C-alpha atoms as a PDB file:
ATOM      1  CA  MET A   1    -177.549   9.690 112.846  1.00  0.00           C
ATOM      2  CA  PRO A   2    -181.064  10.991 112.162  1.00  0.00           C
ATOM      3  CA  HIS A   3    -183.232  12.106 115.098  1.00  0.00           C
ATOM      4  CA  GLY A   4    -185.610   9.188 114.545  1.00  0.00           C
ATOM      5  CA  VAL A   5    -183.306   6.754 116.328  1.00  0.00           C
ATOM      6  CA  LEU A   6    -184.036   8.651 119.530  1.00  0.00           C
ATOM      7  CA  PHE A   7    -187.739   7.830 119.653  1.00  0.00           C
ATOM      8  CA  ARG A   8    -188.858   5.282 117.030  1.00  0.00           C
ATOM      9  CA  GLY A   9    -190.087   1.890 118.189  1.00  0.00           C
ATOM     10  CA  GLY A  10    -189.422  -1.551 116.757  1.00  0.00           C
ATOM     11  CA  THR A  11    -185.845  -2.743 116.515  1.00  0.00           C
ATOM     12  CA  GLU A  12    -184.470   0.767 117.069  1.00  0.00           C
ATOM     13  CA  GLY A  13    -186.480   1.019 120.273  1.00  0.00           C
ATOM     14  CA  LYS A  14    -185.134  -2.311 121.525  1.00  0.00           C
ATOM     15  CA  ILE A  15    -181.540  -1.308 120.773  1.00  0.00           C
ATOM     16  CA  ARG A  16    -182.049   2.079 122.441  1.00  0.00           C
ATOM     17  CA  LYS A  17    -183.568   0.472 125.560  1.00  0.00           C
ATOM     18  CA  ALA A  18    -180.674  -2.020 125.796  1.00  0.00           C
ATOM     19  CA  LEU A  19    -178.083   0.768 125.513  1.00  0.00           C
ATOM     20  CA  ILE A  20    -179.893   2.769 128.206  1.00  0.00           C
ATOM     21  CA  GLU A  21    -180.237  -0.197 130.565  1.00  0.00           C
ATOM     22  CA  LYS A  22    -176.543  -1.051 130.122  1.00  0.00           C
ATOM     23  CA  ASN A  23    -175.804   2.641 130.870  1.00  0.00           C
ATOM     24  CA  GLN A  24    -173.765   3.012 127.687  1.00  0.00           C
ATOM     25  CA  ILE A  25    -175.229   6.251 126.293  1.00  0.00           C
ATOM     26  CA  ASP A  26    -173.211   9.160 127.653  1.00  0.00           C
ATOM     27  CA  THR A  27    -174.258  12.173 125.575  1.00  0.00           C
ATOM     28  CA  ILE A  28    -176.659  13.070 122.776  1.00  0.00           C
ATOM     29  CA  ILE A  29    -175.939  16.219 120.765  1.00  0.00           C
ATOM     30  CA  GLY A  30    -178.578  17.589 118.398  1.00  0.00           C
ATOM     31  CA  LEU A  31    -177.074  19.332 115.373  1.00  0.00           C
ATOM     32  CA  PRO A  32    -178.617  21.904 113.007  1.00  0.00           C
ATOM     33  CA  CYS A  33    -180.295  20.890 109.764  1.00  0.00           C
ATOM     34  CA  ASN A  34    -178.418  21.355 106.460  1.00  0.00           C
ATOM     35  CA  ILE A  35    -175.068  20.712 108.109  1.00  0.00           C
ATOM     36  CA  PHE A  36    -174.115  17.688 105.998  1.00  0.00           C
ATOM     37  CA  PHE A  37    -173.842  17.709 102.217  1.00  0.00           C
ATOM     38  CA  GLY A  38    -176.762  16.005 100.512  1.00  0.00           C
ATOM     39  CA  THR A  39    -179.198  16.012 103.416  1.00  0.00           C
ATOM     40  CA  GLY A  40    -181.300  18.772 104.913  1.00  0.00           C
ATOM     41  CA  ILE A  41    -182.472  16.855 107.965  1.00  0.00           C
ATOM     42  CA  PRO A  42    -181.203  17.635 111.449  1.00  0.00           C
ATOM     43  CA  THR A  43    -178.866  14.983 112.814  1.00  0.00           C
ATOM     44  CA  ILE A  44    -177.417  13.875 116.132  1.00  0.00           C
ATOM     45  CA  ILE A  45    -174.153  12.715 117.591  1.00  0.00           C
ATOM     46  CA  MET A  46    -174.526   9.942 120.153  1.00  0.00           C
ATOM     47  CA  ILE A  47    -171.523   9.403 122.406  1.00  0.00           C
ATOM     48  CA  LEU A  48    -171.355   5.854 123.742  1.00  0.00           C
ATOM     49  CA  LYS A  49    -169.169   4.617 126.608  1.00  0.00           C
ATOM     50  CA  LYS A  50    -168.763   1.084 127.892  1.00  0.00           C
ATOM     51  CA  GLN A  51    -167.675   2.192 131.372  1.00  0.00           C
ATOM     52  CA  LYS A  52    -169.523   5.167 132.887  1.00  0.00           C
ATOM     53  CA  ASN A  53    -169.273   6.588 136.394  1.00  0.00           C
ATOM     54  CA  ASN A  54    -172.726   8.180 136.321  1.00  0.00           C
ATOM     55  CA  ASN A  55    -176.321   7.074 135.813  1.00  0.00           C
ATOM     56  CA  ASP A  56    -177.508   9.802 133.493  1.00  0.00           C
ATOM     57  CA  ILE A  57    -177.377  11.094 129.927  1.00  0.00           C
ATOM     58  CA  LEU A  58    -176.348  14.588 128.866  1.00  0.00           C
ATOM     59  CA  PHE A  59    -178.600  16.128 126.208  1.00  0.00           C
ATOM     60  CA  VAL A  60    -177.216  19.062 124.209  1.00  0.00           C
ATOM     61  CA  ASP A  61    -179.452  20.918 121.773  1.00  0.00           C
ATOM     62  CA  ALA A  62    -177.055  22.657 119.394  1.00  0.00           C
ATOM     63  CA  SER A  63    -179.709  23.067 116.694  1.00  0.00           C
ATOM     64  CA  LEU A  64    -179.411  26.872 116.855  1.00  0.00           C
ATOM     65  CA  GLU A  65    -175.594  26.873 116.944  1.00  0.00           C
ATOM     66  CA  PHE A  66    -174.678  27.578 113.341  1.00  0.00           C
ATOM     67  CA  LYS A  67    -173.855  30.197 110.749  1.00  0.00           C
ATOM     68  CA  LYS A  68    -175.775  30.308 107.487  1.00  0.00           C
ATOM     69  CA  ASP A  69    -173.480  29.830 104.481  1.00  0.00           C
ATOM     70  CA  GLY A  70    -175.486  29.916 101.264  1.00  0.00           C
ATOM     71  CA  ASN A  71    -177.905  27.004 101.288  1.00  0.00           C
ATOM     72  CA  LYS A  72    -176.107  25.142 104.073  1.00  0.00           C
ATOM     73  CA  ASN A  73    -175.361  25.689 107.742  1.00  0.00           C
ATOM     74  CA  ILE A  74    -171.900  25.496 109.248  1.00  0.00           C
ATOM     75  CA  LEU A  75    -170.588  25.120 112.771  1.00  0.00           C
ATOM     76  CA  GLU A  76    -168.072  27.833 113.503  1.00  0.00           C
ATOM     77  CA  LYS A  77    -165.188  27.409 115.926  1.00  0.00           C
ATOM     78  CA  SER A  78    -167.146  29.240 118.656  1.00  0.00           C
ATOM     79  CA  ASN A  79    -170.139  26.893 118.190  1.00  0.00           C
ATOM     80  CA  ILE A  80    -167.918  23.831 118.418  1.00  0.00           C
ATOM     81  CA  GLU A  81    -166.167  25.214 121.509  1.00  0.00           C
ATOM     82  CA  LYS A  82    -169.508  25.875 123.246  1.00  0.00           C
ATOM     83  CA  ILE A  83    -170.654  22.314 122.546  1.00  0.00           C
ATOM     84  CA  PHE A  84    -167.289  20.857 123.584  1.00  0.00           C
ATOM     85  CA  GLN A  85    -167.121  22.784 126.871  1.00  0.00           C
ATOM     86  CA  THR A  86    -170.692  21.800 127.732  1.00  0.00           C
ATOM     87  CA  VAL A  87    -169.908  18.126 127.174  1.00  0.00           C
ATOM     88  CA  ILE A  88    -166.658  18.328 129.175  1.00  0.00           C
ATOM     89  CA  LYS A  89    -168.245  20.194 132.115  1.00  0.00           C
ATOM     90  CA  ARG A  90    -171.367  18.019 131.936  1.00  0.00           C
ATOM     91  CA  GLU A  91    -173.675  20.603 133.437  1.00  0.00           C
ATOM     92  CA  ASN A  92    -177.125  22.011 132.822  1.00  0.00           C
ATOM     93  CA  VAL A  93    -177.251  25.104 130.615  1.00  0.00           C
ATOM     94  CA  GLU A  94    -180.660  26.728 130.267  1.00  0.00           C
ATOM     95  CA  ASN A  95    -182.170  26.209 126.798  1.00  0.00           C
ATOM     96  CA  PHE A  96    -179.029  24.354 125.682  1.00  0.00           C
ATOM     97  CA  ALA A  97    -178.113  21.312 127.791  1.00  0.00           C
ATOM     98  CA  LYS A  98    -179.527  19.115 130.525  1.00  0.00           C
ATOM     99  CA  VAL A  99    -178.269  16.104 132.455  1.00  0.00           C
ATOM    100  CA  VAL A 100    -181.151  13.627 132.755  1.00  0.00           C
ATOM    101  CA  SER A 101    -181.247  10.647 135.108  1.00  0.00           C
ATOM    102  CA  LEU A 102    -181.829   7.165 133.732  1.00  0.00           C
ATOM    103  CA  GLU A 103    -184.870   6.950 136.012  1.00  0.00           C
ATOM    104  CA  GLU A 104    -186.462   9.955 134.286  1.00  0.00           C
ATOM    105  CA  ILE A 105    -185.695   8.398 130.895  1.00  0.00           C
ATOM    106  CA  ARG A 106    -187.322   5.128 131.973  1.00  0.00           C
ATOM    107  CA  LYS A 107    -190.419   7.096 133.032  1.00  0.00           C
ATOM    108  CA  SER A 108    -190.446   8.608 129.524  1.00  0.00           C
ATOM    109  CA  GLU A 109    -190.531   5.064 128.081  1.00  0.00           C
ATOM    110  CA  TYR A 110    -186.924   5.291 126.842  1.00  0.00           C
ATOM    111  CA  ASN A 111    -187.718   8.236 124.572  1.00  0.00           C
ATOM    112  CA  LEU A 112    -184.486  10.164 123.980  1.00  0.00           C
ATOM    113  CA  ASN A 113    -185.984  12.975 121.902  1.00  0.00           C
ATOM    114  CA  ILE A 114    -183.866  16.010 122.782  1.00  0.00           C
ATOM    115  CA  ASN A 115    -186.849  18.382 122.808  1.00  0.00           C
ATOM    116  CA  ARG A 116    -188.406  16.324 125.602  1.00  0.00           C
ATOM    117  CA  TYR A 117    -185.589  17.393 127.930  1.00  0.00           C
ATOM    118  CA  VAL A 118    -184.127  20.627 126.497  1.00  0.00           C
ATOM    119  CA  ASN A 119    -186.106  23.579 125.181  1.00  0.00           C
ATOM    120  CA  ALA A 120    -183.815  25.449 122.798  1.00  0.00           C
ATOM    121  CA  SER A 121    -186.416  27.686 121.205  1.00  0.00           C
ATOM    122  CA  GLU A 122    -185.280  31.217 120.641  1.00  0.00           C
ATOM    123  CA  LYS A 123    -186.239  33.629 123.383  1.00  0.00           C
ATOM    124  CA  LYS A 124    -189.011  35.948 122.325  1.00  0.00           C
ATOM    125  CA  GLU A 125    -188.931  39.532 123.453  1.00  0.00           C
ATOM    126  CA  GLU A 126    -191.985  40.673 125.375  1.00  0.00           C
ATOM    127  CA  LEU A 127    -193.597  43.701 123.822  1.00  0.00           C
ATOM    128  CA  ASP A 128    -195.140  46.569 125.763  1.00  0.00           C
ATOM    129  CA  VAL A 129    -198.166  47.041 123.517  1.00  0.00           C
ATOM    130  CA  TYR A 130    -199.444  50.063 125.452  1.00  0.00           C
ATOM    131  CA  GLY A 131    -196.099  51.800 125.151  1.00  0.00           C
ATOM    132  CA  LEU A 132    -195.894  51.041 121.443  1.00  0.00           C
ATOM    133  CA  LEU A 133    -199.449  52.181 120.737  1.00  0.00           C
ATOM    134  CA  TYR A 134    -199.078  55.482 122.550  1.00  0.00           C
ATOM    135  CA  SER A 135    -195.518  56.273 121.443  1.00  0.00           C
ATOM    136  CA  GLN A 136    -194.087  55.822 124.907  1.00  0.00           C
ATOM    137  CA  ILE A 137    -190.853  54.206 125.941  1.00  0.00           C
ATOM    138  CA  PRO A 138    -191.537  50.483 126.451  1.00  0.00           C
ATOM    139  CA  ASN A 139    -191.402  49.267 130.072  1.00  0.00           C
ATOM    140  CA  ASN A 140    -188.582  46.803 129.384  1.00  0.00           C
ATOM    141  CA  GLU A 141    -186.382  49.677 128.197  1.00  0.00           C
ATOM    142  CA  LEU A 142    -187.277  51.774 131.253  1.00  0.00           C
ATOM    143  CA  ASP A 143    -186.411  48.857 133.533  1.00  0.00           C
ATOM    144  CA  GLU A 144    -182.797  49.073 132.380  1.00  0.00           C
ATOM    145  CA  PHE A 145    -182.540  52.469 134.106  1.00  0.00           C
ATOM    146  CA  LYS A 146    -184.458  51.741 137.325  1.00  0.00           C
ATOM    147  CA  ASP A 147    -181.254  52.031 139.394  1.00  0.00           C
ATOM    148  CA  PHE A 148    -180.852  55.628 138.240  1.00  0.00           C
ATOM    149  CA  TRP A 149    -184.322  56.806 139.316  1.00  0.00           C
END
């Protein structure tokens, strides 16, 4: 499904709210863009269950889990395994997955946008500008050897 079903109002919003209130949404997995032939938009997998033992939803942001293959993106076996294990273990993984209570989702007005709950942006390396400007070894590289000093 397209990401829009996670946050749009109208009929989609009513359906989403009903599924949440009936506790039938188990997991939402965000996939990379260009993964399906004929569409470049990012998509999601929504796992529904009639009988759940928990009162939460697992959000998995797998939008960075792909290998570029020409003009499309593909999920490799390792990407699929990472997603699968996360869903099976149902645990929080920093910048990848988060279990969110139904109460928190209600407070967010039933918005299921993955980015609201999981921040999967790529980690940016901090630069030691002083070290770079004056041709010194950057502090983050020196920190790796602090146990030796």
